[in-house]
Amino acid sequence: MADKLLEVRNVRKAFGGVVANADVSIDVESGAIVGLIGPNGSGKTTLFNSVVGHHPIDGGTVRFDGHTITGLSMAQTARRGLVRTFQQSHLFDRLSCLDNVRIADSHAGEATTDMLRGLPRESRERALQLLDFAGLYEERQTAAGELSFGQRKLLELAMALMSKPKLLLLDEPTAGVNPTMINGVVARLLRAHAEMGITLVVIEHNMRVIMSLAHRIYCLAQGRVLAAGAPDEVRSDPRVIEAYLGAH
């Protein structure tokens, strides 16, 4: 049996009187690609935030790579190899693609010229390799704000890979991406998994994408795990069809 890289047990999170996560438990085995689906408002993004320490949780525990990380900050979890991307862009639009990737491993909240000067030469070399991986090498000196939406998603992937994560949580990596570019995003996720050995957990509304990517899928509804299993099992589960798939 593969080792459990991530163990989420009975995690609870409420905002005022609204329960976003209600006793959610999931397992992610090392080397897996896990999908997280569910209707809008089902608690998927909140769960990502709970796992990485973006906000404190109200109950439950999170273990990563054999250690309890409940209560750690995002910077602390990132240094342990647990990294997430966001639905909304976290790029520095005035900086070049190269500089965006170079500072991605600094865990800093604001990019400055001094920060860039202080980075080692090796960071530039690795950033160029990752831009090539993402298909953005020719855009390395282009300001991030000038990229297309799909290119911005690829840049964010390159940034997330900069710190060599063990586990990467991706929040809707193909949302808003031109259909002609979706296959390129998916192909690079599969390469990151196969060539870099990165375990992936992916929130995705595009059923074609998630069914082709994931080895195992969890479906959330109203803040709870509604179903879990292989993609075909989850897709054909009447509860999932009623709560999610049937509504699209």
C-alpha atoms as a PDB file:
ATOM      1  CA  MET A   1       0.000   0.000   0.000  1.00  0.00           C
ATOM      2  CA  ALA A   2       1.305   3.470  -0.881  1.00  0.00           C
ATOM      3  CA  ASP A   3       2.168   5.870   1.908  1.00  0.00           C
ATOM      4  CA  LYS A   4      -0.398   8.514   2.819  1.00  0.00           C
ATOM      5  CA  LEU A   5       1.196  11.838   2.008  1.00  0.00           C
ATOM      6  CA  LEU A   6      -1.791  13.895   3.191  1.00  0.00           C
ATOM      7  CA  GLU A   7      -4.307  12.906   5.869  1.00  0.00           C
ATOM      8  CA  VAL A   8      -7.215  15.240   6.598  1.00  0.00           C
ATOM      9  CA  ARG A   9      -9.355  14.150   9.514  1.00  0.00           C
ATOM     10  CA  ASN A  10     -12.715  15.652  10.519  1.00  0.00           C
ATOM     11  CA  VAL A  11     -11.745  19.166   9.492  1.00  0.00           C
ATOM     12  CA  ARG A  12     -14.337  21.786  10.342  1.00  0.00           C
ATOM     13  CA  LYS A  13     -14.466  25.419   9.286  1.00  0.00           C
ATOM     14  CA  ALA A  14     -17.279  27.956   9.608  1.00  0.00           C
ATOM     15  CA  PHE A  15     -17.512  31.623   8.689  1.00  0.00           C
ATOM     16  CA  GLY A  16     -19.986  33.200  11.059  1.00  0.00           C
ATOM     17  CA  GLY A  17     -23.017  30.953  10.929  1.00  0.00           C
ATOM     18  CA  VAL A  18     -22.101  29.398   7.569  1.00  0.00           C
ATOM     19  CA  VAL A  19     -20.442  25.976   7.797  1.00  0.00           C
ATOM     20  CA  ALA A  20     -18.010  25.635   4.892  1.00  0.00           C
ATOM     21  CA  ASN A  21     -16.387  22.335   5.927  1.00  0.00           C
ATOM     22  CA  ALA A  22     -18.192  19.866   8.189  1.00  0.00           C
ATOM     23  CA  ASP A  23     -16.041  16.985   9.427  1.00  0.00           C
ATOM     24  CA  VAL A  24     -14.260  16.510   6.096  1.00  0.00           C
ATOM     25  CA  SER A  25     -11.810  13.612   5.891  1.00  0.00           C
ATOM     26  CA  ILE A  26      -9.705  12.771   2.842  1.00  0.00           C
ATOM     27  CA  ASP A  27      -6.516  10.786   2.158  1.00  0.00           C
ATOM     28  CA  VAL A  28      -3.966  11.458  -0.570  1.00  0.00           C
ATOM     29  CA  GLU A  29      -1.439   8.727  -1.249  1.00  0.00           C
ATOM     30  CA  SER A  30       2.066   9.614  -2.338  1.00  0.00           C
ATOM     31  CA  GLY A  31       2.294   9.618  -6.136  1.00  0.00           C
ATOM     32  CA  ALA A  32      -1.439   9.940  -6.696  1.00  0.00           C
ATOM     33  CA  ILE A  33      -3.533  12.430  -8.635  1.00  0.00           C
ATOM     34  CA  VAL A  34      -6.687  13.162  -6.642  1.00  0.00           C
ATOM     35  CA  GLY A  35      -9.655  15.138  -7.911  1.00  0.00           C
ATOM     36  CA  LEU A  36     -11.939  17.290  -5.796  1.00  0.00           C
ATOM     37  CA  ILE A  37     -15.301  18.102  -7.363  1.00  0.00           C
ATOM     38  CA  GLY A  38     -18.613  19.521  -6.228  1.00  0.00           C
ATOM     39  CA  PRO A  39     -21.029  22.367  -6.908  1.00  0.00           C
ATOM     40  CA  ASN A  40     -20.119  25.969  -6.196  1.00  0.00           C
ATOM     41  CA  GLY A  41     -20.196  26.647  -2.484  1.00  0.00           C
ATOM     42  CA  SER A  42     -19.545  23.024  -1.527  1.00  0.00           C
ATOM     43  CA  GLY A  43     -16.382  23.884   0.429  1.00  0.00           C
ATOM     44  CA  LYS A  44     -13.619  22.829  -1.965  1.00  0.00           C
ATOM     45  CA  THR A  45     -11.541  26.004  -1.872  1.00  0.00           C
ATOM     46  CA  THR A  46     -12.116  26.357   1.866  1.00  0.00           C
ATOM     47  CA  LEU A  47     -10.704  22.859   2.308  1.00  0.00           C
ATOM     48  CA  PHE A  48      -7.569  23.806   0.371  1.00  0.00           C
ATOM     49  CA  ASN A  49      -7.208  26.902   2.550  1.00  0.00           C
ATOM     50  CA  SER A  50      -7.682  24.801   5.673  1.00  0.00           C
ATOM     51  CA  VAL A  51      -5.051  22.284   4.604  1.00  0.00           C
ATOM     52  CA  VAL A  52      -2.290  24.778   3.799  1.00  0.00           C
ATOM     53  CA  GLY A  53      -2.865  27.101   6.758  1.00  0.00           C
ATOM     54  CA  HIS A  54      -4.390  29.998   4.835  1.00  0.00           C
ATOM     55  CA  HIS A  55      -6.810  30.299   7.745  1.00  0.00           C
ATOM     56  CA  PRO A  56      -7.181  28.529  11.117  1.00  0.00           C
ATOM     57  CA  ILE A  57      -9.575  25.592  11.299  1.00  0.00           C
ATOM     58  CA  ASP A  58     -12.262  25.116  13.933  1.00  0.00           C
ATOM     59  CA  GLY A  59     -11.597  21.425  14.488  1.00  0.00           C
ATOM     60  CA  GLY A  60      -9.927  18.332  13.121  1.00  0.00           C
ATOM     61  CA  THR A  61      -6.333  17.597  12.146  1.00  0.00           C
ATOM     62  CA  VAL A  62      -4.132  17.781   9.058  1.00  0.00           C
ATOM     63  CA  ARG A  63      -1.071  15.557   8.656  1.00  0.00           C
ATOM     64  CA  PHE A  64       1.422  15.928   5.825  1.00  0.00           C
ATOM     65  CA  ASP A  65       4.337  13.637   5.098  1.00  0.00           C
ATOM     66  CA  GLY A  66       3.965  11.959   8.483  1.00  0.00           C
ATOM     67  CA  HIS A  67       3.804  15.149  10.558  1.00  0.00           C
ATOM     68  CA  THR A  68       0.894  17.107  12.019  1.00  0.00           C
ATOM     69  CA  ILE A  69       0.757  20.523  10.354  1.00  0.00           C
ATOM     70  CA  THR A  70      -2.481  21.775  11.909  1.00  0.00           C
ATOM     71  CA  GLY A  71      -1.978  25.418  12.829  1.00  0.00           C
ATOM     72  CA  LEU A  72       1.069  26.070  10.641  1.00  0.00           C
ATOM     73  CA  SER A  73       1.119  29.072   8.315  1.00  0.00           C
ATOM     74  CA  MET A  74       1.124  28.886   4.512  1.00  0.00           C
ATOM     75  CA  ALA A  75       4.822  29.776   4.436  1.00  0.00           C
ATOM     76  CA  GLN A  76       5.595  26.997   6.898  1.00  0.00           C
ATOM     77  CA  THR A  77       3.608  24.380   4.986  1.00  0.00           C
ATOM     78  CA  ALA A  78       5.206  25.523   1.709  1.00  0.00           C
ATOM     79  CA  ARG A  79       8.679  25.029   3.157  1.00  0.00           C
ATOM     80  CA  ARG A  80       7.658  21.457   4.019  1.00  0.00           C
ATOM     81  CA  GLY A  81       6.683  20.831   0.399  1.00  0.00           C
ATOM     82  CA  LEU A  82       2.933  21.531   0.428  1.00  0.00           C
ATOM     83  CA  VAL A  83       2.044  24.253  -2.090  1.00  0.00           C
ATOM     84  CA  ARG A  84      -1.236  25.499  -3.544  1.00  0.00           C
ATOM     85  CA  THR A  85      -2.383  27.666  -6.424  1.00  0.00           C
ATOM     86  CA  PHE A  86      -5.393  29.975  -6.302  1.00  0.00           C
ATOM     87  CA  GLN A  87      -8.444  30.630  -8.481  1.00  0.00           C
ATOM     88  CA  GLN A  88      -7.504  34.302  -8.651  1.00  0.00           C
ATOM     89  CA  SER A  89      -4.174  35.365 -10.090  1.00  0.00           C
ATOM     90  CA  HIS A  90      -1.306  35.956  -7.668  1.00  0.00           C
ATOM     91  CA  LEU A  91       1.084  37.328 -10.289  1.00  0.00           C
ATOM     92  CA  PHE A  92       3.090  40.532 -10.155  1.00  0.00           C
ATOM     93  CA  ASP A  93       1.847  42.029 -13.421  1.00  0.00           C
ATOM     94  CA  ARG A  94       4.633  44.586 -13.831  1.00  0.00           C
ATOM     95  CA  LEU A  95       7.397  42.030 -13.421  1.00  0.00           C
ATOM     96  CA  SER A  96       8.612  39.774 -16.200  1.00  0.00           C
ATOM     97  CA  CYS A  97       7.663  36.119 -16.324  1.00  0.00           C
ATOM     98  CA  LEU A  98      11.235  35.266 -15.336  1.00  0.00           C
ATOM     99  CA  ASP A  99      11.173  37.502 -12.271  1.00  0.00           C
ATOM    100  CA  ASN A 100       7.755  36.188 -11.212  1.00  0.00           C
ATOM    101  CA  VAL A 101       9.103  32.647 -11.182  1.00  0.00           C
ATOM    102  CA  ARG A 102      12.369  33.651  -9.489  1.00  0.00           C
ATOM    103  CA  ILE A 103      10.636  35.228  -6.490  1.00  0.00           C
ATOM    104  CA  ALA A 104       8.055  32.447  -6.172  1.00  0.00           C
ATOM    105  CA  ASP A 105      10.235  30.546  -3.712  1.00  0.00           C
ATOM    106  CA  SER A 106      10.764  33.527  -1.405  1.00  0.00           C
ATOM    107  CA  HIS A 107       7.327  33.243   0.319  1.00  0.00           C
ATOM    108  CA  ALA A 108       7.234  37.047   0.375  1.00  0.00           C
ATOM    109  CA  GLY A 109       4.062  39.058   0.153  1.00  0.00           C
ATOM    110  CA  GLU A 110       5.468  41.827  -2.022  1.00  0.00           C
ATOM    111  CA  ALA A 111       8.040  41.786  -4.798  1.00  0.00           C
ATOM    112  CA  THR A 112      10.844  44.321  -4.602  1.00  0.00           C
ATOM    113  CA  THR A 113      13.974  45.048  -6.639  1.00  0.00           C
ATOM    114  CA  ASP A 114      16.094  44.341  -3.577  1.00  0.00           C
ATOM    115  CA  MET A 115      14.503  40.912  -3.229  1.00  0.00           C
ATOM    116  CA  LEU A 116      15.384  40.049  -6.814  1.00  0.00           C
ATOM    117  CA  ARG A 117      18.973  41.215  -6.375  1.00  0.00           C
ATOM    118  CA  GLY A 118      19.339  38.983  -3.356  1.00  0.00           C
ATOM    119  CA  LEU A 119      18.367  35.773  -5.119  1.00  0.00           C
ATOM    120  CA  PRO A 120      21.134  33.311  -6.064  1.00  0.00           C
ATOM    121  CA  ARG A 121      22.115  32.718  -9.677  1.00  0.00           C
ATOM    122  CA  GLU A 122      20.762  29.182  -9.409  1.00  0.00           C
ATOM    123  CA  SER A 123      17.257  30.585  -9.015  1.00  0.00           C
ATOM    124  CA  ARG A 124      17.497  32.200 -12.455  1.00  0.00           C
ATOM    125  CA  GLU A 125      18.634  28.978 -14.068  1.00  0.00           C
ATOM    126  CA  ARG A 126      15.851  26.954 -12.479  1.00  0.00           C
ATOM    127  CA  ALA A 127      13.279  29.621 -13.355  1.00  0.00           C
ATOM    128  CA  LEU A 128      14.329  29.480 -17.005  1.00  0.00           C
ATOM    129  CA  GLN A 129      14.016  25.686 -16.976  1.00  0.00           C
ATOM    130  CA  LEU A 130      10.501  25.930 -15.553  1.00  0.00           C
ATOM    131  CA  LEU A 131       9.466  28.582 -18.066  1.00  0.00           C
ATOM    132  CA  ASP A 132      10.653  26.234 -20.805  1.00  0.00           C
ATOM    133  CA  PHE A 133       8.645  23.431 -19.181  1.00  0.00           C
ATOM    134  CA  ALA A 134       5.560  25.678 -19.164  1.00  0.00           C
ATOM    135  CA  GLY A 135       6.039  26.693 -22.796  1.00  0.00           C
ATOM    136  CA  LEU A 136       6.805  30.284 -21.836  1.00  0.00           C
ATOM    137  CA  TYR A 137      10.541  30.510 -22.514  1.00  0.00           C
ATOM    138  CA  GLU A 138      10.023  32.917 -25.399  1.00  0.00           C
ATOM    139  CA  GLU A 139       7.954  35.117 -23.082  1.00  0.00           C
ATOM    140  CA  ARG A 140      10.548  35.142 -20.282  1.00  0.00           C
ATOM    141  CA  GLN A 141      11.095  38.911 -20.466  1.00  0.00           C
ATOM    142  CA  THR A 142       7.421  39.713 -21.101  1.00  0.00           C
ATOM    143  CA  ALA A 143       5.543  41.405 -18.279  1.00  0.00           C
ATOM    144  CA  ALA A 144       3.088  39.008 -16.674  1.00  0.00           C
ATOM    145  CA  GLY A 145       0.291  41.535 -17.200  1.00  0.00           C
ATOM    146  CA  GLU A 146       0.656  41.159 -20.965  1.00  0.00           C
ATOM    147  CA  LEU A 147       0.032  37.411 -21.010  1.00  0.00           C
ATOM    148  CA  SER A 148      -3.174  35.740 -22.127  1.00  0.00           C
ATOM    149  CA  PHE A 149      -5.310  34.090 -19.457  1.00  0.00           C
ATOM    150  CA  GLY A 150      -4.071  30.640 -20.415  1.00  0.00           C
ATOM    151  CA  GLN A 151      -0.458  31.785 -20.342  1.00  0.00           C
ATOM    152  CA  ARG A 152      -1.010  33.257 -16.878  1.00  0.00           C
ATOM    153  CA  LYS A 153      -2.213  29.853 -15.667  1.00  0.00           C
ATOM    154  CA  LEU A 154       0.929  28.247 -17.069  1.00  0.00           C
ATOM    155  CA  LEU A 155       3.085  30.902 -15.400  1.00  0.00           C
ATOM    156  CA  GLU A 156       1.389  30.222 -12.084  1.00  0.00           C
ATOM    157  CA  LEU A 157       2.170  26.527 -12.531  1.00  0.00           C
ATOM    158  CA  ALA A 158       5.833  27.330 -13.158  1.00  0.00           C
ATOM    159  CA  MET A 159       5.854  29.493 -10.023  1.00  0.00           C
ATOM    160  CA  ALA A 160       4.293  26.734  -7.949  1.00  0.00           C
ATOM    161  CA  LEU A 161       6.938  24.275  -9.155  1.00  0.00           C
ATOM    162  CA  MET A 162       9.804  26.603  -8.223  1.00  0.00           C
ATOM    163  CA  SER A 163       9.947  25.382  -4.628  1.00  0.00           C
ATOM    164  CA  LYS A 164      10.027  21.708  -5.687  1.00  0.00           C
ATOM    165  CA  PRO A 165       6.808  20.721  -3.888  1.00  0.00           C
ATOM    166  CA  LYS A 166       6.010  17.183  -2.831  1.00  0.00           C
ATOM    167  CA  LEU A 167       2.275  17.904  -3.028  1.00  0.00           C
ATOM    168  CA  LEU A 168       0.662  20.544  -5.218  1.00  0.00           C
ATOM    169  CA  LEU A 169      -2.947  21.653  -4.669  1.00  0.00           C
ATOM    170  CA  LEU A 170      -4.384  23.193  -7.837  1.00  0.00           C
ATOM    171  CA  ASP A 171      -7.557  25.267  -7.623  1.00  0.00           C
ATOM    172  CA  GLU A 172      -9.309  25.107 -11.016  1.00  0.00           C
ATOM    173  CA  PRO A 173      -6.172  25.122 -13.205  1.00  0.00           C
ATOM    174  CA  THR A 174      -8.180  25.185 -16.455  1.00  0.00           C
ATOM    175  CA  ALA A 175     -10.931  27.632 -15.435  1.00  0.00           C
ATOM    176  CA  GLY A 176     -11.274  30.380 -18.025  1.00  0.00           C
ATOM    177  CA  VAL A 177      -8.582  28.859 -20.229  1.00  0.00           C
ATOM    178  CA  ASN A 178      -9.181  28.840 -23.985  1.00  0.00           C
ATOM    179  CA  PRO A 179     -10.286  25.316 -25.000  1.00  0.00           C
ATOM    180  CA  THR A 180      -7.335  25.060 -27.364  1.00  0.00           C
ATOM    181  CA  MET A 181      -4.934  25.551 -24.430  1.00  0.00           C
ATOM    182  CA  ILE A 182      -6.616  23.214 -21.944  1.00  0.00           C
ATOM    183  CA  ASN A 183      -4.877  20.148 -23.349  1.00  0.00           C
ATOM    184  CA  GLY A 184      -1.529  21.907 -22.921  1.00  0.00           C
ATOM    185  CA  VAL A 185      -2.260  22.651 -19.261  1.00  0.00           C
ATOM    186  CA  VAL A 186      -3.354  19.058 -18.629  1.00  0.00           C
ATOM    187  CA  ALA A 187      -0.287  17.682 -20.417  1.00  0.00           C
ATOM    188  CA  ARG A 188       2.026  19.738 -18.233  1.00  0.00           C
ATOM    189  CA  LEU A 189       0.265  18.627 -15.062  1.00  0.00           C
ATOM    190  CA  LEU A 190       0.760  15.022 -16.135  1.00  0.00           C
ATOM    191  CA  ARG A 191       4.426  15.721 -16.894  1.00  0.00           C
ATOM    192  CA  ALA A 192       4.942  17.377 -13.511  1.00  0.00           C
ATOM    193  CA  HIS A 193       3.461  14.271 -11.923  1.00  0.00           C
ATOM    194  CA  ALA A 194       5.418  11.764 -14.021  1.00  0.00           C
ATOM    195  CA  GLU A 195       8.757  13.530 -14.443  1.00  0.00           C
ATOM    196  CA  MET A 196       9.034  15.471 -11.175  1.00  0.00           C
ATOM    197  CA  GLY A 197       7.252  12.967  -8.950  1.00  0.00           C
ATOM    198  CA  ILE A 198       4.774  15.525  -7.646  1.00  0.00           C
ATOM    199  CA  THR A 199       1.544  14.351  -6.044  1.00  0.00           C
ATOM    200  CA  LEU A 200      -1.451  16.414  -7.225  1.00  0.00           C
ATOM    201  CA  VAL A 201      -4.827  17.332  -5.776  1.00  0.00           C
ATOM    202  CA  VAL A 202      -6.971  19.178  -8.311  1.00  0.00           C
ATOM    203  CA  ILE A 203     -10.197  21.139  -7.899  1.00  0.00           C
ATOM    204  CA  GLU A 204     -11.832  21.153 -11.299  1.00  0.00           C
ATOM    205  CA  HIS A 205     -15.290  21.780 -12.775  1.00  0.00           C
ATOM    206  CA  ASN A 206     -14.396  20.494 -16.227  1.00  0.00           C
ATOM    207  CA  MET A 207     -15.465  16.864 -15.974  1.00  0.00           C
ATOM    208  CA  ARG A 208     -13.532  15.789 -19.061  1.00  0.00           C
ATOM    209  CA  VAL A 209     -10.350  17.172 -17.525  1.00  0.00           C
ATOM    210  CA  ILE A 210     -10.757  15.706 -14.051  1.00  0.00           C
ATOM    211  CA  MET A 211     -11.873  12.296 -15.293  1.00  0.00           C
ATOM    212  CA  SER A 212      -8.795  12.044 -17.505  1.00  0.00           C
ATOM    213  CA  LEU A 213      -6.429  13.257 -14.775  1.00  0.00           C
ATOM    214  CA  ALA A 214      -7.487  11.750 -11.466  1.00  0.00           C
ATOM    215  CA  HIS A 215      -6.857   8.302 -10.040  1.00  0.00           C
ATOM    216  CA  ARG A 216      -9.341   8.952  -7.228  1.00  0.00           C
ATOM    217  CA  ILE A 217     -12.061  11.567  -6.805  1.00  0.00           C
ATOM    218  CA  TYR A 218     -13.804  13.092  -3.804  1.00  0.00           C
ATOM    219  CA  CYS A 219     -17.104  14.882  -4.299  1.00  0.00           C
ATOM    220  CA  LEU A 220     -18.074  17.544  -1.759  1.00  0.00           C
ATOM    221  CA  ALA A 221     -21.586  18.866  -1.246  1.00  0.00           C
ATOM    222  CA  GLN A 222     -22.726  21.279   1.449  1.00  0.00           C
ATOM    223  CA  GLY A 223     -19.340  21.085   3.123  1.00  0.00           C
ATOM    224  CA  ARG A 224     -19.284  17.292   3.447  1.00  0.00           C
ATOM    225  CA  VAL A 225     -17.763  14.400   1.510  1.00  0.00           C
ATOM    226  CA  LEU A 226     -20.666  13.034  -0.516  1.00  0.00           C
ATOM    227  CA  ALA A 227     -18.812  10.309  -2.399  1.00  0.00           C
ATOM    228  CA  ALA A 228     -15.279   9.022  -2.971  1.00  0.00           C
ATOM    229  CA  GLY A 229     -13.763   6.456  -5.287  1.00  0.00           C
ATOM    230  CA  ALA A 230     -12.448   5.796  -8.774  1.00  0.00           C
ATOM    231  CA  PRO A 231     -13.544   8.319 -11.433  1.00  0.00           C
ATOM    232  CA  ASP A 232     -16.073   5.975 -13.070  1.00  0.00           C
ATOM    233  CA  GLU A 233     -17.582   5.089  -9.689  1.00  0.00           C
ATOM    234  CA  VAL A 234     -18.019   8.704  -8.671  1.00  0.00           C
ATOM    235  CA  ARG A 235     -19.323   9.787 -12.063  1.00  0.00           C
ATOM    236  CA  SER A 236     -22.062   7.134 -11.958  1.00  0.00           C
ATOM    237  CA  ASP A 237     -22.993   7.636  -8.284  1.00  0.00           C
ATOM    238  CA  PRO A 238     -26.665   8.779  -8.181  1.00  0.00           C
ATOM    239  CA  ARG A 239     -25.900  11.137  -5.280  1.00  0.00           C
ATOM    240  CA  VAL A 240     -23.207  12.869  -7.310  1.00  0.00           C
ATOM    241  CA  ILE A 241     -25.412  13.087 -10.371  1.00  0.00           C
ATOM    242  CA  GLU A 242     -28.172  14.661  -8.319  1.00  0.00           C
ATOM    243  CA  ALA A 243     -25.940  17.073  -6.398  1.00  0.00           C
ATOM    244  CA  TYR A 244     -23.528  18.094  -9.127  1.00  0.00           C
ATOM    245  CA  LEU A 245     -23.270  16.446 -12.507  1.00  0.00           C
ATOM    246  CA  GLY A 246     -26.967  16.574 -13.193  1.00  0.00           C
ATOM    247  CA  ALA A 247     -26.965  20.311 -12.648  1.00  0.00           C
ATOM    248  CA  HIS A 248     -24.536  20.989 -15.479  1.00  0.00           C
END
